Amino acid sequence: MSDPFKITEPTCISFSGGRTSAYMLWRVLESNGGLPSEAIVCFANTGKEDEATLEFVRDCAANWDVPIVWLEWRDNAEKFEIVTFDTASRNGEPFAAMIKKKSYLPNPVARFCTQELKVSTINRYLKSIDIEAESMVGVRADEQRRVPKLRARGLMVPLVDAGTTQSDVQTFWKAQPFDLGLTFRNGVTASGNCDLCYLKGGAQILSLIAEKPERAIWWAGQEKAVGALFRSDRPSYSAMLEFSQSQRDMFDANEEAISCFCGD
């Protein structure tokens, strides 16, 4: 069996800022003796990632001596901007600007946030530097329901090909001198990706709000500005904020999150 992490053609490694995609990057570096000249690593920041995620992306680059291009969506001619750890948005600015431009909120049916803020932003950057590359994403072998759509889009999923599971990823990080500073519990990193993403389970969102109430302010503000909800089948973020401070059983604790292809 050939090594799925061996790079032989121009490849963009999409780094979500989570443990799984970081492990994928490490496997690529190990298989190729560093980052091949044909490869580029991109991290697209929405401005709603936890600070720990930004620190983790920075730490991976420093500890593994690998360049990572930080990108953000912009409403300019290029539709993106290159940023750094120091200049990256922390208050959802790219996400809010996209919502303002669209004049409606993303939702489970129209998930334009992932497409525009991440996928298209990276693609536009690659086009600007005249690179046509295959895209590699961090999806594991135990996330099979996500795999068919990703393969249909022509994306590379080397962790699936290698049979890598969540257990493998966690074992790896327990042995490393640094790690993502977000709690891993019951098989998920609840506050990973956008902190209160509307695709997360309702009970999970409520728990995250109770843990850090200020997380809900931005989301509630966007709903108020547009006059709509991110999800019509749930209360508003402002209502969840109010509820979280008094009770904890608004949602079914077993409700599953919806895959958003942002990675973990």
C-alpha atoms as a PDB file:
ATOM      1  CA  MET A   1       0.000   0.000   0.000  1.00  0.00           C
ATOM      2  CA  SER A   2       1.359   3.424  -0.939  1.00  0.00           C
ATOM      3  CA  ASP A   3       1.829   6.074   1.731  1.00  0.00           C
ATOM      4  CA  PRO A   4      -1.276   8.340   1.625  1.00  0.00           C
ATOM      5  CA  PHE A   5       0.743  11.166   3.183  1.00  0.00           C
ATOM      6  CA  LYS A   6       3.414  11.147   0.480  1.00  0.00           C
ATOM      7  CA  ILE A   7       3.021  14.240  -1.697  1.00  0.00           C
ATOM      8  CA  THR A   8       3.910  13.923  -5.383  1.00  0.00           C
ATOM      9  CA  GLU A   9       1.906  16.805  -6.869  1.00  0.00           C
ATOM     10  CA  PRO A  10       0.919  20.370  -5.893  1.00  0.00           C
ATOM     11  CA  THR A  11      -1.141  20.020  -2.721  1.00  0.00           C
ATOM     12  CA  CYS A  12      -2.867  22.433  -0.373  1.00  0.00           C
ATOM     13  CA  ILE A  13      -3.077  21.112   3.177  1.00  0.00           C
ATOM     14  CA  SER A  14      -6.165  22.653   4.739  1.00  0.00           C
ATOM     15  CA  PHE A  15      -5.392  23.178   8.417  1.00  0.00           C
ATOM     16  CA  SER A  16      -8.541  23.799  10.476  1.00  0.00           C
ATOM     17  CA  GLY A  17      -6.617  24.474  13.670  1.00  0.00           C
ATOM     18  CA  GLY A  18      -7.812  21.287  15.382  1.00  0.00           C
ATOM     19  CA  ARG A  19      -5.932  18.260  16.649  1.00  0.00           C
ATOM     20  CA  THR A  20      -6.946  16.001  13.759  1.00  0.00           C
ATOM     21  CA  SER A  21      -5.822  18.309  10.956  1.00  0.00           C
ATOM     22  CA  ALA A  22      -2.631  19.082  12.886  1.00  0.00           C
ATOM     23  CA  TYR A  23      -1.918  15.364  13.203  1.00  0.00           C
ATOM     24  CA  MET A  24      -2.467  15.031   9.454  1.00  0.00           C
ATOM     25  CA  LEU A  25       0.074  17.805   8.883  1.00  0.00           C
ATOM     26  CA  TRP A  26       2.579  16.056  11.140  1.00  0.00           C
ATOM     27  CA  ARG A  27       2.140  12.802   9.193  1.00  0.00           C
ATOM     28  CA  VAL A  28       2.788  14.686   5.953  1.00  0.00           C
ATOM     29  CA  LEU A  29       5.966  16.188   7.395  1.00  0.00           C
ATOM     30  CA  GLU A  30       7.120  12.779   8.612  1.00  0.00           C
ATOM     31  CA  SER A  31       6.457  11.052   5.288  1.00  0.00           C
ATOM     32  CA  ASN A  32       8.142  13.732   3.213  1.00  0.00           C
ATOM     33  CA  GLY A  33      11.042  14.743   5.428  1.00  0.00           C
ATOM     34  CA  GLY A  34       9.498  18.152   5.957  1.00  0.00           C
ATOM     35  CA  LEU A  35       7.081  20.168   3.853  1.00  0.00           C
ATOM     36  CA  PRO A  36       7.614  19.389   0.161  1.00  0.00           C
ATOM     37  CA  SER A  37       8.115  22.293  -2.215  1.00  0.00           C
ATOM     38  CA  GLU A  38       4.902  21.206  -3.984  1.00  0.00           C
ATOM     39  CA  ALA A  39       2.849  21.674  -0.802  1.00  0.00           C
ATOM     40  CA  ILE A  40       1.361  24.677   0.966  1.00  0.00           C
ATOM     41  CA  VAL A  41      -0.425  24.812   4.325  1.00  0.00           C
ATOM     42  CA  CYS A  42      -3.354  27.209   4.744  1.00  0.00           C
ATOM     43  CA  PHE A  43      -5.397  28.223   7.775  1.00  0.00           C
ATOM     44  CA  ALA A  44      -8.551  30.263   7.140  1.00  0.00           C
ATOM     45  CA  ASN A  45      -9.636  32.286  10.176  1.00  0.00           C
ATOM     46  CA  THR A  46     -13.289  33.313  10.573  1.00  0.00           C
ATOM     47  CA  GLY A  47     -12.621  35.473  13.615  1.00  0.00           C
ATOM     48  CA  LYS A  48     -14.800  33.231  15.796  1.00  0.00           C
ATOM     49  CA  GLU A  49     -12.175  30.622  16.592  1.00  0.00           C
ATOM     50  CA  ASP A  50     -11.133  30.360  20.229  1.00  0.00           C
ATOM     51  CA  GLU A  51      -7.843  32.072  21.103  1.00  0.00           C
ATOM     52  CA  ALA A  52      -6.470  28.638  21.972  1.00  0.00           C
ATOM     53  CA  THR A  53      -6.986  27.584  18.347  1.00  0.00           C
ATOM     54  CA  LEU A  54      -4.968  30.524  17.064  1.00  0.00           C
ATOM     55  CA  GLU A  55      -2.214  29.758  19.558  1.00  0.00           C
ATOM     56  CA  PHE A  56      -2.206  26.122  18.458  1.00  0.00           C
ATOM     57  CA  VAL A  57      -1.771  27.033  14.776  1.00  0.00           C
ATOM     58  CA  ARG A  58       1.095  29.324  15.745  1.00  0.00           C
ATOM     59  CA  ASP A  59       2.665  26.615  17.936  1.00  0.00           C
ATOM     60  CA  CYS A  60       2.464  23.946  15.229  1.00  0.00           C
ATOM     61  CA  ALA A  61       4.313  26.236  12.828  1.00  0.00           C
ATOM     62  CA  ALA A  62       6.989  27.031  15.416  1.00  0.00           C
ATOM     63  CA  ASN A  63       7.487  23.536  16.837  1.00  0.00           C
ATOM     64  CA  TRP A  64       7.529  21.788  13.476  1.00  0.00           C
ATOM     65  CA  ASP A  65       9.292  24.530  11.519  1.00  0.00           C
ATOM     66  CA  VAL A  66       6.551  24.610   8.891  1.00  0.00           C
ATOM     67  CA  PRO A  67       5.203  27.751   7.191  1.00  0.00           C
ATOM     68  CA  ILE A  68       1.434  28.206   7.543  1.00  0.00           C
ATOM     69  CA  VAL A  69      -0.384  30.845   5.507  1.00  0.00           C
ATOM     70  CA  TRP A  70      -3.063  32.616   7.566  1.00  0.00           C
ATOM     71  CA  LEU A  71      -5.989  33.885   5.512  1.00  0.00           C
ATOM     72  CA  GLU A  72      -9.203  35.839   6.145  1.00  0.00           C
ATOM     73  CA  TRP A  73     -12.104  36.730   3.879  1.00  0.00           C
ATOM     74  CA  ARG A  74     -12.324  40.374   2.906  1.00  0.00           C
ATOM     75  CA  ASP A  75     -14.848  42.364   0.903  1.00  0.00           C
ATOM     76  CA  ASN A  76     -12.160  43.672  -1.437  1.00  0.00           C
ATOM     77  CA  ALA A  77     -11.066  42.986  -4.985  1.00  0.00           C
ATOM     78  CA  GLU A  78      -9.098  39.873  -3.994  1.00  0.00           C
ATOM     79  CA  LYS A  79     -11.748  38.623  -1.520  1.00  0.00           C
ATOM     80  CA  PHE A  80      -9.054  37.645   0.965  1.00  0.00           C
ATOM     81  CA  GLU A  81      -6.196  39.032   3.023  1.00  0.00           C
ATOM     82  CA  ILE A  82      -3.064  37.397   4.384  1.00  0.00           C
ATOM     83  CA  VAL A  83      -2.827  37.898   8.148  1.00  0.00           C
ATOM     84  CA  THR A  84      -0.644  36.632  10.997  1.00  0.00           C
ATOM     85  CA  PHE A  85      -1.186  35.418  14.534  1.00  0.00           C
ATOM     86  CA  ASP A  86      -0.790  39.000  15.744  1.00  0.00           C
ATOM     87  CA  THR A  87      -3.092  40.594  13.170  1.00  0.00           C
ATOM     88  CA  ALA A  88      -5.746  37.838  12.929  1.00  0.00           C
ATOM     89  CA  SER A  89      -9.314  38.826  13.766  1.00  0.00           C
ATOM     90  CA  ARG A  90     -10.545  37.846  17.211  1.00  0.00           C
ATOM     91  CA  ASN A  91     -14.073  39.265  17.262  1.00  0.00           C
ATOM     92  CA  GLY A  92     -15.717  37.654  14.244  1.00  0.00           C
ATOM     93  CA  GLU A  93     -14.985  40.565  11.897  1.00  0.00           C
ATOM     94  CA  PRO A  94     -14.695  38.523   8.649  1.00  0.00           C
ATOM     95  CA  PHE A  95     -17.785  36.498   9.544  1.00  0.00           C
ATOM     96  CA  ALA A  96     -19.823  39.594  10.441  1.00  0.00           C
ATOM     97  CA  ALA A  97     -18.741  41.375   7.244  1.00  0.00           C
ATOM     98  CA  MET A  98     -19.836  38.374   5.169  1.00  0.00           C
ATOM     99  CA  ILE A  99     -23.232  38.288   6.911  1.00  0.00           C
ATOM    100  CA  LYS A 100     -23.671  42.022   6.305  1.00  0.00           C
ATOM    101  CA  LYS A 101     -22.844  41.581   2.625  1.00  0.00           C
ATOM    102  CA  LYS A 102     -25.260  38.667   2.239  1.00  0.00           C
ATOM    103  CA  SER A 103     -27.985  40.346   4.343  1.00  0.00           C
ATOM    104  CA  TYR A 104     -29.009  36.982   5.787  1.00  0.00           C
ATOM    105  CA  LEU A 105     -27.610  34.438   8.218  1.00  0.00           C
ATOM    106  CA  PRO A 106     -26.041  31.116   7.290  1.00  0.00           C
ATOM    107  CA  ASN A 107     -28.103  28.133   8.405  1.00  0.00           C
ATOM    108  CA  PRO A 108     -28.052  24.323   8.185  1.00  0.00           C
ATOM    109  CA  VAL A 109     -29.385  24.490   4.609  1.00  0.00           C
ATOM    110  CA  ALA A 110     -27.308  27.436   3.335  1.00  0.00           C
ATOM    111  CA  ARG A 111     -23.913  27.109   5.009  1.00  0.00           C
ATOM    112  CA  PHE A 112     -22.213  29.909   3.128  1.00  0.00           C
ATOM    113  CA  CYS A 113     -19.889  30.618   6.050  1.00  0.00           C
ATOM    114  CA  THR A 114     -17.800  27.479   5.503  1.00  0.00           C
ATOM    115  CA  GLN A 115     -17.764  27.884   1.730  1.00  0.00           C
ATOM    116  CA  GLU A 116     -16.942  31.588   1.606  1.00  0.00           C
ATOM    117  CA  LEU A 117     -14.839  32.128   4.730  1.00  0.00           C
ATOM    118  CA  LYS A 118     -12.775  28.972   4.387  1.00  0.00           C
ATOM    119  CA  VAL A 119     -12.987  26.982   1.140  1.00  0.00           C
ATOM    120  CA  SER A 120     -13.325  29.851  -1.361  1.00  0.00           C
ATOM    121  CA  THR A 121     -10.924  32.077   0.560  1.00  0.00           C
ATOM    122  CA  ILE A 122      -8.187  29.457   0.333  1.00  0.00           C
ATOM    123  CA  ASN A 123      -8.956  28.774  -3.330  1.00  0.00           C
ATOM    124  CA  ARG A 124      -8.769  32.469  -4.198  1.00  0.00           C
ATOM    125  CA  TYR A 125      -5.417  32.745  -2.487  1.00  0.00           C
ATOM    126  CA  LEU A 126      -4.059  29.760  -4.418  1.00  0.00           C
ATOM    127  CA  LYS A 127      -5.308  31.263  -7.666  1.00  0.00           C
ATOM    128  CA  SER A 128      -3.623  34.573  -6.832  1.00  0.00           C
ATOM    129  CA  ILE A 129      -0.249  32.838  -6.650  1.00  0.00           C
ATOM    130  CA  ASP A 130      -0.926  30.734  -9.757  1.00  0.00           C
ATOM    131  CA  ILE A 131      -1.120  27.397  -7.984  1.00  0.00           C
ATOM    132  CA  GLU A 132      -3.509  24.648  -9.047  1.00  0.00           C
ATOM    133  CA  ALA A 133      -3.376  22.183  -6.191  1.00  0.00           C
ATOM    134  CA  GLU A 134      -5.141  19.140  -4.849  1.00  0.00           C
ATOM    135  CA  SER A 135      -6.749  19.786  -1.463  1.00  0.00           C
ATOM    136  CA  MET A 136      -6.016  17.637   1.589  1.00  0.00           C
ATOM    137  CA  VAL A 137      -8.392  17.735   4.572  1.00  0.00           C
ATOM    138  CA  GLY A 138      -8.242  16.248   8.048  1.00  0.00           C
ATOM    139  CA  VAL A 139     -11.061  13.721   8.241  1.00  0.00           C
ATOM    140  CA  ARG A 140     -10.541  10.438  10.090  1.00  0.00           C
ATOM    141  CA  ALA A 141     -11.496   6.850   9.287  1.00  0.00           C
ATOM    142  CA  ASP A 142     -14.109   6.923  12.075  1.00  0.00           C
ATOM    143  CA  GLU A 143     -15.928   9.815  10.365  1.00  0.00           C
ATOM    144  CA  GLN A 144     -17.169   7.724   7.453  1.00  0.00           C
ATOM    145  CA  ARG A 145     -20.415   9.617   6.927  1.00  0.00           C
ATOM    146  CA  ARG A 146     -18.393  12.644   5.826  1.00  0.00           C
ATOM    147  CA  VAL A 147     -16.130  10.757   3.438  1.00  0.00           C
ATOM    148  CA  PRO A 148     -18.337  10.174   0.345  1.00  0.00           C
ATOM    149  CA  LYS A 149     -19.091  13.880  -0.132  1.00  0.00           C
ATOM    150  CA  LEU A 150     -15.453  14.819   0.341  1.00  0.00           C
ATOM    151  CA  ARG A 151     -14.227  12.245  -2.149  1.00  0.00           C
ATOM    152  CA  ALA A 152     -16.941  13.345  -4.599  1.00  0.00           C
ATOM    153  CA  ARG A 153     -15.488  16.844  -4.418  1.00  0.00           C
ATOM    154  CA  GLY A 154     -12.062  15.447  -5.251  1.00  0.00           C
ATOM    155  CA  LEU A 155     -10.576  16.108  -1.823  1.00  0.00           C
ATOM    156  CA  MET A 156      -7.742  14.023  -0.416  1.00  0.00           C
ATOM    157  CA  VAL A 157      -8.467  12.286   2.916  1.00  0.00           C
ATOM    158  CA  PRO A 158      -5.196  10.547   3.848  1.00  0.00           C
ATOM    159  CA  LEU A 159      -6.249   9.845   7.451  1.00  0.00           C
ATOM    160  CA  VAL A 160      -9.150   7.795   6.108  1.00  0.00           C
ATOM    161  CA  ASP A 161      -6.840   5.919   3.756  1.00  0.00           C
ATOM    162  CA  ALA A 162      -4.466   5.264   6.658  1.00  0.00           C
ATOM    163  CA  GLY A 163      -7.265   4.024   8.930  1.00  0.00           C
ATOM    164  CA  THR A 164      -6.583   6.737  11.498  1.00  0.00           C
ATOM    165  CA  THR A 165      -9.135   7.052  14.303  1.00  0.00           C
ATOM    166  CA  GLN A 166      -9.809   9.539  17.099  1.00  0.00           C
ATOM    167  CA  SER A 167      -7.952   7.238  19.478  1.00  0.00           C
ATOM    168  CA  ASP A 168      -4.825   7.454  17.305  1.00  0.00           C
ATOM    169  CA  VAL A 169      -4.998  11.250  17.249  1.00  0.00           C
ATOM    170  CA  GLN A 170      -5.456  11.533  21.015  1.00  0.00           C
ATOM    171  CA  THR A 171      -2.630   9.082  21.707  1.00  0.00           C
ATOM    172  CA  PHE A 172      -0.336  11.182  19.519  1.00  0.00           C
ATOM    173  CA  TRP A 173      -1.127  14.451  21.285  1.00  0.00           C
ATOM    174  CA  LYS A 174      -0.705  12.998  24.757  1.00  0.00           C
ATOM    175  CA  ALA A 175       2.918  12.312  23.855  1.00  0.00           C
ATOM    176  CA  GLN A 176       3.677  15.779  22.450  1.00  0.00           C
ATOM    177  CA  PRO A 177       5.335  18.688  24.290  1.00  0.00           C
ATOM    178  CA  PHE A 178       2.485  21.024  23.275  1.00  0.00           C
ATOM    179  CA  ASP A 179      -1.216  20.627  22.543  1.00  0.00           C
ATOM    180  CA  LEU A 180      -4.419  22.458  21.670  1.00  0.00           C
ATOM    181  CA  GLY A 181      -5.591  24.233  24.812  1.00  0.00           C
ATOM    182  CA  LEU A 182      -9.216  23.144  24.447  1.00  0.00           C
ATOM    183  CA  THR A 183     -10.839  20.358  26.464  1.00  0.00           C
ATOM    184  CA  PHE A 184     -11.487  17.048  24.733  1.00  0.00           C
ATOM    185  CA  ARG A 185     -14.533  15.360  26.281  1.00  0.00           C
ATOM    186  CA  ASN A 186     -16.857  12.543  25.200  1.00  0.00           C
ATOM    187  CA  GLY A 187     -15.149  12.249  21.832  1.00  0.00           C
ATOM    188  CA  VAL A 188     -15.300  15.921  20.824  1.00  0.00           C
ATOM    189  CA  THR A 189     -13.550  19.233  21.319  1.00  0.00           C
ATOM    190  CA  ALA A 190     -16.732  21.172  22.053  1.00  0.00           C
ATOM    191  CA  SER A 191     -15.331  24.674  21.701  1.00  0.00           C
ATOM    192  CA  GLY A 192     -13.297  23.910  18.583  1.00  0.00           C
ATOM    193  CA  ASN A 193     -13.943  25.639  15.229  1.00  0.00           C
ATOM    194  CA  CYS A 194     -16.325  28.608  15.527  1.00  0.00           C
ATOM    195  CA  ASP A 195     -17.059  28.740  19.248  1.00  0.00           C
ATOM    196  CA  LEU A 196     -20.889  28.538  19.127  1.00  0.00           C
ATOM    197  CA  CYS A 197     -21.373  27.256  15.579  1.00  0.00           C
ATOM    198  CA  TYR A 198     -25.079  26.738  14.881  1.00  0.00           C
ATOM    199  CA  LEU A 199     -24.311  23.225  13.601  1.00  0.00           C
ATOM    200  CA  LYS A 200     -23.246  22.068  17.058  1.00  0.00           C
ATOM    201  CA  GLY A 201     -25.733  20.221  19.228  1.00  0.00           C
ATOM    202  CA  GLY A 202     -28.077  22.428  21.205  1.00  0.00           C
ATOM    203  CA  ALA A 203     -27.052  21.034  24.593  1.00  0.00           C
ATOM    204  CA  GLN A 204     -23.414  21.528  23.613  1.00  0.00           C
ATOM    205  CA  ILE A 205     -24.010  25.180  22.740  1.00  0.00           C
ATOM    206  CA  LEU A 206     -25.912  25.742  25.979  1.00  0.00           C
ATOM    207  CA  SER A 207     -23.051  24.204  27.956  1.00  0.00           C
ATOM    208  CA  LEU A 208     -20.496  26.406  26.174  1.00  0.00           C
ATOM    209  CA  ILE A 209     -22.561  29.518  26.915  1.00  0.00           C
ATOM    210  CA  ALA A 210     -22.874  28.548  30.581  1.00  0.00           C
ATOM    211  CA  GLU A 211     -19.106  28.035  30.710  1.00  0.00           C
ATOM    212  CA  LYS A 212     -18.352  31.418  29.138  1.00  0.00           C
ATOM    213  CA  PRO A 213     -21.478  33.601  28.687  1.00  0.00           C
ATOM    214  CA  GLU A 214     -19.661  36.220  26.611  1.00  0.00           C
ATOM    215  CA  ARG A 215     -19.419  33.682  23.784  1.00  0.00           C
ATOM    216  CA  ALA A 216     -23.106  34.281  23.019  1.00  0.00           C
ATOM    217  CA  ILE A 217     -22.832  38.060  22.596  1.00  0.00           C
ATOM    218  CA  TRP A 218     -21.548  38.043  19.005  1.00  0.00           C
ATOM    219  CA  TRP A 219     -24.046  35.408  17.838  1.00  0.00           C
ATOM    220  CA  ALA A 220     -26.969  37.182  19.495  1.00  0.00           C
ATOM    221  CA  GLY A 221     -25.787  40.446  17.941  1.00  0.00           C
ATOM    222  CA  GLN A 222     -25.795  38.985  14.435  1.00  0.00           C
ATOM    223  CA  GLU A 223     -29.314  37.620  14.878  1.00  0.00           C
ATOM    224  CA  LYS A 224     -30.514  40.998  16.134  1.00  0.00           C
ATOM    225  CA  ALA A 225     -28.823  42.885  13.287  1.00  0.00           C
ATOM    226  CA  VAL A 226     -30.389  40.679  10.596  1.00  0.00           C
ATOM    227  CA  GLY A 227     -33.700  40.140  12.372  1.00  0.00           C
ATOM    228  CA  ALA A 228     -33.540  36.367  11.985  1.00  0.00           C
ATOM    229  CA  LEU A 229     -32.147  33.216  13.597  1.00  0.00           C
ATOM    230  CA  PHE A 230     -29.238  30.992  12.630  1.00  0.00           C
ATOM    231  CA  ARG A 231     -31.641  28.083  13.184  1.00  0.00           C
ATOM    232  CA  SER A 232     -35.418  28.345  13.019  1.00  0.00           C
ATOM    233  CA  ASP A 233     -35.789  25.133  15.027  1.00  0.00           C
ATOM    234  CA  ARG A 234     -34.037  26.604  18.072  1.00  0.00           C
ATOM    235  CA  PRO A 235     -34.381  29.589  20.407  1.00  0.00           C
ATOM    236  CA  SER A 236     -32.285  32.674  19.712  1.00  0.00           C
ATOM    237  CA  TYR A 237     -28.766  32.941  21.094  1.00  0.00           C
ATOM    238  CA  SER A 238     -29.938  35.697  23.444  1.00  0.00           C
ATOM    239  CA  ALA A 239     -32.658  33.362  24.750  1.00  0.00           C
ATOM    240  CA  MET A 240     -30.116  30.570  25.213  1.00  0.00           C
ATOM    241  CA  LEU A 241     -27.851  32.977  27.082  1.00  0.00           C
ATOM    242  CA  GLU A 242     -30.655  33.894  29.447  1.00  0.00           C
ATOM    243  CA  PHE A 243     -31.731  30.268  29.856  1.00  0.00           C
ATOM    244  CA  SER A 244     -28.202  28.982  30.487  1.00  0.00           C
ATOM    245  CA  GLN A 245     -27.936  31.054  33.615  1.00  0.00           C
ATOM    246  CA  SER A 246     -30.924  29.339  35.197  1.00  0.00           C
ATOM    247  CA  GLN A 247     -31.345  25.839  33.739  1.00  0.00           C
ATOM    248  CA  ARG A 248     -29.433  23.260  31.723  1.00  0.00           C
ATOM    249  CA  ASP A 249     -32.025  20.995  30.075  1.00  0.00           C
ATOM    250  CA  MET A 250     -33.327  23.041  27.147  1.00  0.00           C
ATOM    251  CA  PHE A 251     -32.041  20.466  24.632  1.00  0.00           C
ATOM    252  CA  ASP A 252     -31.635  16.734  24.289  1.00  0.00           C
ATOM    253  CA  ALA A 253     -28.121  15.977  25.503  1.00  0.00           C
ATOM    254  CA  ASN A 254     -27.828  13.248  22.847  1.00  0.00           C
ATOM    255  CA  GLU A 255     -28.533  15.529  19.864  1.00  0.00           C
ATOM    256  CA  GLU A 256     -25.751  15.109  17.321  1.00  0.00           C
ATOM    257  CA  ALA A 257     -23.886  17.974  15.725  1.00  0.00           C
ATOM    258  CA  ILE A 258     -24.076  18.462  11.953  1.00  0.00           C
ATOM    259  CA  SER A 259     -20.855  18.114   9.977  1.00  0.00           C
ATOM    260  CA  CYS A 260     -19.745  21.431   8.545  1.00  0.00           C
ATOM    261  CA  PHE A 261     -16.500  20.287   6.822  1.00  0.00           C
ATOM    262  CA  CYS A 262     -14.559  22.904   8.793  1.00  0.00           C
ATOM    263  CA  GLY A 263     -12.523  20.128  10.385  1.00  0.00           C
ATOM    264  CA  ASP A 264     -12.213  19.833  14.147  1.00  0.00           C
END
